[in-house]
Amino acid sequence: MESLPAGTLAAIVGLVGGIVLGLAARLGEFCTLGAIEAAFYGEDQRRLRLWGVVLGTSIIGIFAAAALGWADPAASFYHTIGWNPLASVLGGLLFGYGMAMAGNCGFGALVRFGGGDLRSLVVVVVIGIFAFVTLSGPLAPIRVALFAQSPSEGPQGFAHLFADLSGLPPLLFALIAGGGAFTWALGHRPLRRSPRQICWGVAAGLAVVWCFVGTSLLAEYSFGEIGVEGPSFTAPLGRTILYAMTSSAGGPGFSVGVVAGVLAGAFIGSSIRHRFRWEACEDPRELGRQISGAAMMGIGGTLALGCSIGQGISAMSTLAYSAPVTLGAILLGALVGLRRLIQGFQPD
């Protein structure tokens, strides 16, 4: 370890976690927009309930690791940056609507690109560009003026609040929350009849735990050079594009590793299922809709400090206040977007 830069070690952590997530998406059908579409328009809740398995695993795993001193979820930016509810709501709505327009979130687009869909490469690149346009580019002054960020006074999470009020360990609340997620997920008989999906849901949850444990240990090892992170796919896409263009002396970092890992995992999963095939967009209107949706996701995900995976899985796994609000806004935005698409294809 001493011979490798801390950034390279973080990239390895992200690579391993990303590979598992990419495999879970391809082999376990773990997908945000796909779950929403199937549940609300296909009368199939299995993919939506699978989120309960992922969250139950990651919540219990992360807080168990924290109790053992292996992880520090309160050191992630979901807890150290003061939560702005308005940014969560507006950013989440914009991200969700853009996700429907683009046909996938950043994570889903990476997975589809790993399966040969060249349209998704455009979505990935546009999300990354607009994330940095909002984070540090022309839109940054407007973002800072409207949604100023400041350090928090302490952990911003339900488990830590529970611990402060009751004097009991945060792990106890995490066990209750994680158990509730499992109960909701496995209370659905069709999902119980799909052990393959359940196993991949557990694997995806463990991948998130792995990322938090790995970056927590590296944060201590590097004296704070490496931040505590979980998987997310808005600003990290932009960082990956920048690294691919410019490189850096400190190594690629966690963001680049997890993005590369998802691509690799999706490619392996597509090959296993014999579903890898090149696809391109033949309809200019569809491509325009996907580009505009990707731009909305880049802006919205940056405002909300995370995407459907960053807030919906990583932040939710730390039981951050921002997670359920942002995820609810993303869901609402996606439903509005899907409804508009459906009405647009209906004959007059």
Protein backbone atom coordinates (compact mmCIF):
# COMPACT_ATOMS: atom_id res chain seq x y z
CA MET A 1 0.00 0.00 0.00
CA GLU A 2 2.84 2.39 0.79
CA SER A 3 4.08 2.16 -2.81
CA LEU A 4 0.76 3.32 -4.29
CA PRO A 5 -0.70 6.84 -4.12
CA ALA A 6 -3.81 7.16 -1.96
CA GLY A 7 -5.83 8.18 -5.02
CA THR A 8 -4.90 4.98 -6.81
CA LEU A 9 -5.94 2.90 -3.80
CA ALA A 10 -9.26 4.76 -3.72
CA ALA A 11 -9.69 4.02 -7.43
CA ILE A 12 -9.20 0.31 -6.73
CA VAL A 13 -11.87 0.46 -4.02
CA GLY A 14 -14.24 2.16 -6.46
CA LEU A 15 -13.36 -0.28 -9.25
CA VAL A 16 -14.27 -3.34 -7.18
CA GLY A 17 -17.51 -1.78 -5.93
CA GLY A 18 -18.40 -0.56 -9.41
CA ILE A 19 -17.89 -3.98 -10.99
CA VAL A 20 -20.33 -5.55 -8.54
CA LEU A 21 -22.87 -2.78 -9.15
CA GLY A 22 -22.54 -3.19 -12.92
CA LEU A 23 -23.08 -6.94 -12.59
CA ALA A 24 -26.07 -6.38 -10.31
CA ALA A 25 -27.62 -4.08 -12.89
CA ARG A 26 -27.15 -6.52 -15.77
CA LEU A 27 -27.74 -9.83 -14.00
CA GLY A 28 -30.10 -8.69 -11.23
CA GLU A 29 -31.99 -5.99 -13.17
CA PHE A 30 -31.12 -3.31 -10.60
CA CYS A 31 -32.18 -0.05 -12.28
CA THR A 32 -33.87 3.13 -11.06
CA LEU A 33 -36.02 4.15 -14.01
CA GLY A 34 -36.71 0.55 -14.95
CA ALA A 35 -38.04 -0.09 -11.45
CA ILE A 36 -40.32 2.97 -11.62
CA GLU A 37 -41.64 2.10 -15.08
CA ALA A 38 -42.30 -1.54 -14.18
CA ALA A 39 -44.05 -0.67 -10.90
CA PHE A 40 -46.27 2.16 -12.12
CA TYR A 41 -46.91 1.13 -15.71
CA GLY A 42 -46.11 -2.57 -15.90
CA GLU A 43 -47.76 -3.72 -12.65
CA ASP A 44 -44.53 -5.48 -11.64
CA GLN A 45 -43.03 -4.32 -8.34
CA ARG A 46 -40.13 -6.75 -8.16
CA ARG A 47 -37.47 -4.30 -9.33
CA LEU A 48 -38.82 -1.56 -7.07
CA ARG A 49 -38.92 -3.88 -4.06
CA LEU A 50 -35.37 -4.95 -4.88
CA TRP A 51 -34.34 -1.51 -3.64
CA GLY A 52 -35.44 -2.64 -0.18
CA VAL A 53 -32.96 -5.51 -0.32
CA VAL A 54 -30.16 -3.20 -1.46
CA LEU A 55 -30.94 -0.60 1.21
CA GLY A 56 -31.49 -3.12 3.99
CA THR A 57 -28.11 -4.67 3.28
CA SER A 58 -26.23 -1.39 2.95
CA ILE A 59 -27.80 0.34 5.97
CA ILE A 60 -27.13 -2.54 8.35
CA GLY A 61 -23.71 -3.20 6.82
CA ILE A 62 -22.48 0.38 7.04
CA PHE A 63 -23.59 0.96 10.62
CA ALA A 64 -22.25 -2.43 11.70
CA ALA A 65 -18.93 -1.46 10.14
CA ALA A 66 -19.11 1.91 11.91
CA ALA A 67 -19.69 0.16 15.23
CA LEU A 68 -16.55 -1.89 14.59
CA GLY A 69 -14.56 1.23 13.71
CA TRP A 70 -14.21 0.30 10.04
CA ALA A 71 -16.39 3.02 8.54
CA ASP A 72 -17.30 6.61 9.32
CA PRO A 73 -20.54 7.46 7.47
CA ALA A 74 -20.83 10.75 9.39
CA ALA A 75 -17.63 11.92 7.64
CA SER A 76 -19.28 11.75 4.20
CA PHE A 77 -20.37 15.02 2.62
CA TYR A 78 -24.02 14.00 3.10
CA HIS A 79 -23.40 14.82 6.78
CA THR A 80 -20.61 17.41 6.71
CA ILE A 81 -22.27 19.86 4.28
CA GLY A 82 -25.30 21.67 5.67
CA TRP A 83 -28.47 20.20 4.20
CA ASN A 84 -30.52 22.55 2.02
CA PRO A 85 -34.04 21.08 1.70
CA LEU A 86 -34.95 23.39 -1.21
CA ALA A 87 -31.91 22.21 -3.18
CA SER A 88 -32.89 18.60 -2.51
CA VAL A 89 -36.45 19.15 -3.74
CA LEU A 90 -35.70 21.29 -6.81
CA GLY A 91 -32.58 19.33 -7.74
CA GLY A 92 -34.38 16.03 -7.25
CA LEU A 93 -37.38 17.08 -9.35
CA LEU A 94 -35.11 18.29 -12.16
CA PHE A 95 -33.03 15.13 -12.02
CA GLY A 96 -36.07 12.84 -12.03
CA TYR A 97 -37.70 14.64 -14.95
CA GLY A 98 -34.43 14.58 -16.87
CA MET A 99 -34.02 10.88 -16.11
CA ALA A 100 -37.38 10.18 -17.76
CA MET A 101 -36.50 12.31 -20.78
CA ALA A 102 -33.09 10.66 -21.19
CA GLY A 103 -34.45 7.16 -20.60
CA ASN A 104 -31.98 6.42 -17.80
CA CYS A 105 -30.05 7.92 -14.90
CA GLY A 106 -26.27 8.27 -14.99
CA PHE A 107 -25.76 4.82 -13.51
CA GLY A 108 -28.26 3.24 -15.91
CA ALA A 109 -26.64 5.00 -18.87
CA LEU A 110 -23.23 3.62 -17.88
CA VAL A 111 -24.73 0.15 -17.64
CA ARG A 112 -26.35 0.42 -21.06
CA PHE A 113 -23.15 1.79 -22.58
CA GLY A 114 -21.35 -1.22 -21.11
CA GLY A 115 -23.83 -3.31 -23.11
CA GLY A 116 -23.01 -1.54 -26.38
CA ASP A 117 -25.61 1.27 -26.44
CA LEU A 118 -23.81 4.24 -27.98
CA ARG A 119 -26.77 6.54 -27.26
CA SER A 120 -26.01 6.14 -23.58
CA LEU A 121 -22.45 7.35 -24.10
CA VAL A 122 -23.92 10.70 -25.17
CA VAL A 123 -26.06 10.77 -22.01
CA VAL A 124 -23.04 9.99 -19.81
CA VAL A 125 -20.89 12.70 -21.39
CA VAL A 126 -23.61 15.37 -21.22
CA ILE A 127 -24.37 14.59 -17.56
CA GLY A 128 -20.67 14.91 -16.71
CA ILE A 129 -20.28 18.19 -18.61
CA PHE A 130 -23.34 19.86 -17.11
CA ALA A 131 -22.44 18.63 -13.64
CA PHE A 132 -19.22 20.64 -13.85
CA VAL A 133 -20.93 23.55 -15.59
CA THR A 134 -23.04 23.74 -12.43
CA LEU A 135 -20.35 22.80 -9.93
CA SER A 136 -17.52 25.09 -11.03
CA GLY A 137 -18.45 26.53 -14.44
CA PRO A 138 -20.75 29.31 -15.67
CA LEU A 139 -23.71 28.20 -13.55
CA ALA A 140 -21.65 27.95 -10.36
CA PRO A 141 -22.20 31.59 -9.24
CA ILE A 142 -25.97 31.15 -9.61
CA ARG A 143 -25.84 27.85 -7.69
CA VAL A 144 -23.82 29.40 -4.90
CA ALA A 145 -26.08 32.47 -4.71
CA LEU A 146 -29.29 30.43 -4.56
CA PHE A 147 -28.10 27.33 -2.73
CA ALA A 148 -25.11 28.33 -0.65
CA GLN A 149 -23.34 25.45 1.07
CA SER A 150 -21.87 25.66 4.53
CA PRO A 151 -20.38 23.15 6.96
CA SER A 152 -22.85 21.38 9.21
CA GLU A 153 -22.61 21.54 12.98
CA GLY A 154 -22.73 17.75 13.28
CA PRO A 155 -23.97 14.57 11.62
CA GLN A 156 -27.22 15.10 9.72
CA GLY A 157 -28.78 11.69 9.99
CA PHE A 158 -31.71 9.91 11.59
CA ALA A 159 -29.56 7.30 13.33
CA HIS A 160 -27.36 9.94 14.95
CA LEU A 161 -30.43 11.94 15.99
CA PHE A 162 -31.90 8.79 17.51
CA ALA A 163 -28.65 8.17 19.38
CA ASP A 164 -28.54 11.74 20.71
CA LEU A 165 -32.15 11.61 21.92
CA SER A 166 -32.12 8.11 23.39
CA GLY A 167 -28.53 7.51 24.37
CA LEU A 168 -28.67 4.23 22.44
CA PRO A 169 -26.16 3.36 19.69
CA PRO A 170 -26.89 4.41 16.09
CA LEU A 171 -26.60 0.76 15.08
CA LEU A 172 -29.88 -0.02 16.85
CA PHE A 173 -31.81 2.48 14.70
CA ALA A 174 -29.99 1.19 11.62
CA LEU A 175 -31.08 -2.36 12.43
CA ILE A 176 -34.68 -1.17 12.70
CA ALA A 177 -34.50 0.81 9.45
CA GLY A 178 -32.67 -1.94 7.58
CA GLY A 179 -35.04 -4.58 8.92
CA GLY A 180 -37.98 -2.48 7.77
CA ALA A 181 -36.48 -2.23 4.27
CA PHE A 182 -36.03 -6.01 4.12
CA THR A 183 -39.58 -6.57 5.37
CA TRP A 184 -41.02 -4.27 2.71
CA ALA A 185 -38.96 -5.93 -0.01
CA LEU A 186 -39.48 -9.57 0.92
CA GLY A 187 -43.15 -9.04 1.76
CA HIS A 188 -43.67 -9.10 -2.01
CA ARG A 189 -44.17 -12.73 -3.05
CA PRO A 190 -42.99 -12.36 -6.68
CA LEU A 191 -39.63 -11.04 -5.44
CA ARG A 192 -39.33 -13.89 -2.93
CA ARG A 193 -39.73 -16.25 -5.89
CA SER A 194 -36.71 -14.66 -7.58
CA PRO A 195 -33.68 -15.67 -5.47
CA ARG A 196 -31.34 -14.53 -8.24
CA GLN A 197 -32.55 -10.95 -7.93
CA ILE A 198 -32.40 -11.08 -4.13
CA CYS A 199 -28.81 -12.30 -4.22
CA TRP A 200 -27.79 -9.53 -6.60
CA GLY A 201 -29.62 -7.00 -4.41
CA VAL A 202 -27.55 -8.17 -1.44
CA ALA A 203 -24.41 -7.99 -3.59
CA ALA A 204 -25.20 -4.40 -4.62
CA GLY A 205 -25.78 -3.43 -0.99
CA LEU A 206 -22.48 -5.02 0.05
CA ALA A 207 -20.73 -3.13 -2.77
CA VAL A 208 -21.93 0.14 -1.21
CA VAL A 209 -20.71 -1.04 2.20
CA TRP A 210 -17.35 -1.93 0.66
CA CYS A 211 -17.01 1.57 -0.81
CA PHE A 212 -17.74 3.30 2.50
CA VAL A 213 -15.42 0.99 4.45
CA GLY A 214 -12.63 1.31 1.90
CA THR A 215 -12.76 5.10 1.64
CA SER A 216 -13.12 5.45 5.43
CA LEU A 217 -9.96 3.43 6.00
CA LEU A 218 -8.16 5.35 3.27
CA ALA A 219 -9.31 8.67 4.74
CA GLU A 220 -7.56 7.71 7.96
CA TYR A 221 -4.53 6.30 6.13
CA SER A 222 -4.13 9.42 3.98
CA PHE A 223 -4.82 11.90 6.82
CA GLY A 224 -7.93 13.21 5.09
CA GLU A 225 -6.60 13.35 1.53
CA ILE A 226 -9.25 10.81 0.52
CA GLY A 227 -12.86 11.62 1.36
CA VAL A 228 -15.41 9.13 2.67
CA GLU A 229 -17.66 8.32 -0.29
CA GLY A 230 -20.25 5.97 -1.67
CA PRO A 231 -21.16 5.40 -5.32
CA SER A 232 -22.70 8.35 -7.15
CA PHE A 233 -22.95 9.20 -10.83
CA THR A 234 -23.33 12.91 -11.47
CA ALA A 235 -20.19 14.91 -10.61
CA PRO A 236 -18.12 11.67 -10.68
CA LEU A 237 -18.91 11.35 -14.39
CA GLY A 238 -17.46 14.83 -14.91
CA ARG A 239 -14.38 13.98 -12.84
CA THR A 240 -13.87 10.85 -14.91
CA ILE A 241 -14.04 12.83 -18.15
CA LEU A 242 -11.52 15.35 -16.78
CA TYR A 243 -9.18 12.58 -15.67
CA ALA A 244 -9.43 10.88 -19.07
CA MET A 245 -8.43 14.17 -20.74
CA THR A 246 -5.81 15.50 -18.32
CA SER A 247 -4.74 12.72 -15.91
CA SER A 248 -3.17 13.74 -12.61
CA ALA A 249 -0.13 12.96 -10.47
CA GLY A 250 -2.21 11.76 -7.54
CA GLY A 251 -3.94 8.92 -9.36
CA PRO A 252 -7.43 8.57 -10.77
CA GLY A 253 -9.38 8.56 -7.49
CA PHE A 254 -12.53 6.85 -6.26
CA SER A 255 -14.87 8.49 -8.79
CA VAL A 256 -12.91 7.26 -11.80
CA GLY A 257 -12.62 3.80 -10.30
CA VAL A 258 -16.32 3.35 -9.64
CA VAL A 259 -17.30 4.62 -13.10
CA ALA A 260 -14.79 2.30 -14.78
CA GLY A 261 -15.98 -0.54 -12.57
CA VAL A 262 -19.63 -0.14 -13.54
CA LEU A 263 -18.67 -0.14 -17.21
CA ALA A 264 -16.59 -3.27 -16.76
CA GLY A 265 -19.28 -5.03 -14.70
CA ALA A 266 -21.97 -4.15 -17.22
CA PHE A 267 -19.84 -5.43 -20.10
CA ILE A 268 -19.15 -8.70 -18.28
CA GLY A 269 -22.83 -9.10 -17.36
CA SER A 270 -23.96 -8.36 -20.92
CA SER A 271 -21.47 -10.90 -22.25
CA ILE A 272 -22.64 -13.56 -19.79
CA ARG A 273 -26.24 -13.07 -20.91
CA HIS A 274 -25.19 -12.82 -24.58
CA ARG A 275 -26.87 -9.42 -24.82
CA PHE A 276 -23.95 -7.23 -25.84
CA ARG A 277 -24.73 -5.48 -29.11
CA TRP A 278 -23.92 -2.12 -30.62
CA GLU A 279 -26.85 0.28 -30.85
CA ALA A 280 -27.11 3.84 -32.15
CA CYS A 281 -29.81 6.49 -32.29
CA GLU A 282 -31.67 6.77 -35.58
CA ASP A 283 -34.18 9.46 -34.53
CA PRO A 284 -32.81 13.02 -34.13
CA ARG A 285 -35.79 13.95 -31.93
CA GLU A 286 -35.03 11.09 -29.58
CA LEU A 287 -31.38 12.12 -29.38
CA GLY A 288 -32.38 15.72 -28.64
CA ARG A 289 -34.68 14.57 -25.88
CA GLN A 290 -31.92 12.42 -24.37
CA ILE A 291 -29.39 15.26 -24.47
CA SER A 292 -31.79 17.71 -22.83
CA GLY A 293 -32.66 15.12 -20.18
CA ALA A 294 -28.99 14.44 -19.50
CA ALA A 295 -28.34 18.18 -19.08
CA MET A 296 -31.19 18.36 -16.54
CA MET A 297 -29.70 15.43 -14.63
CA GLY A 298 -26.26 17.03 -14.55
CA ILE A 299 -27.68 20.25 -13.11
CA GLY A 300 -30.24 18.64 -10.81
CA GLY A 301 -27.89 16.01 -9.42
CA THR A 302 -25.30 18.68 -8.61
CA LEU A 303 -27.87 20.86 -6.82
CA ALA A 304 -29.17 17.91 -4.82
CA LEU A 305 -25.64 16.65 -3.99
CA GLY A 306 -26.34 13.31 -5.60
CA CYS A 307 -28.32 11.30 -8.10
CA SER A 308 -30.75 8.42 -7.73
CA ILE A 309 -27.82 6.25 -6.61
CA GLY A 310 -25.83 8.92 -4.76
CA GLN A 311 -28.76 10.12 -2.66
CA GLY A 312 -31.11 7.16 -3.11
CA ILE A 313 -28.59 4.48 -2.11
CA SER A 314 -25.36 5.97 -0.72
CA ALA A 315 -26.90 8.81 1.32
CA MET A 316 -29.87 6.66 2.30
CA SER A 317 -27.46 4.00 3.56
CA THR A 318 -26.03 6.54 5.99
CA LEU A 319 -29.61 7.53 6.92
CA ALA A 320 -28.93 11.16 5.99
CA TYR A 321 -31.80 13.63 6.25
CA SER A 322 -31.40 14.60 2.59
CA ALA A 323 -31.86 11.09 1.20
CA PRO A 324 -35.61 10.41 1.49
CA VAL A 325 -36.50 13.98 0.47
CA THR A 326 -34.27 13.89 -2.61
CA LEU A 327 -35.33 10.38 -3.57
CA GLY A 328 -39.00 11.32 -3.23
CA ALA A 329 -38.46 14.37 -5.46
CA ILE A 330 -36.63 12.23 -8.03
CA LEU A 331 -39.52 9.76 -8.04
CA LEU A 332 -42.08 12.53 -8.52
CA GLY A 333 -40.06 14.18 -11.28
CA ALA A 334 -39.66 10.85 -13.06
CA LEU A 335 -43.38 10.12 -12.90
CA VAL A 336 -44.20 13.54 -14.35
CA GLY A 337 -41.67 12.97 -17.13
CA LEU A 338 -42.92 9.48 -17.93
CA ARG A 339 -46.49 10.73 -17.99
CA ARG A 340 -45.55 13.42 -20.48
CA LEU A 341 -43.79 10.89 -22.71
CA ILE A 342 -46.78 8.54 -22.63
CA GLN A 343 -49.22 11.32 -23.47
CA GLY A 344 -46.94 12.46 -26.27
CA PHE A 345 -47.22 9.07 -27.96
CA GLN A 346 -50.99 8.84 -27.61
CA PRO A 347 -53.00 9.56 -30.76
CA ASP A 348 -55.19 12.68 -30.80
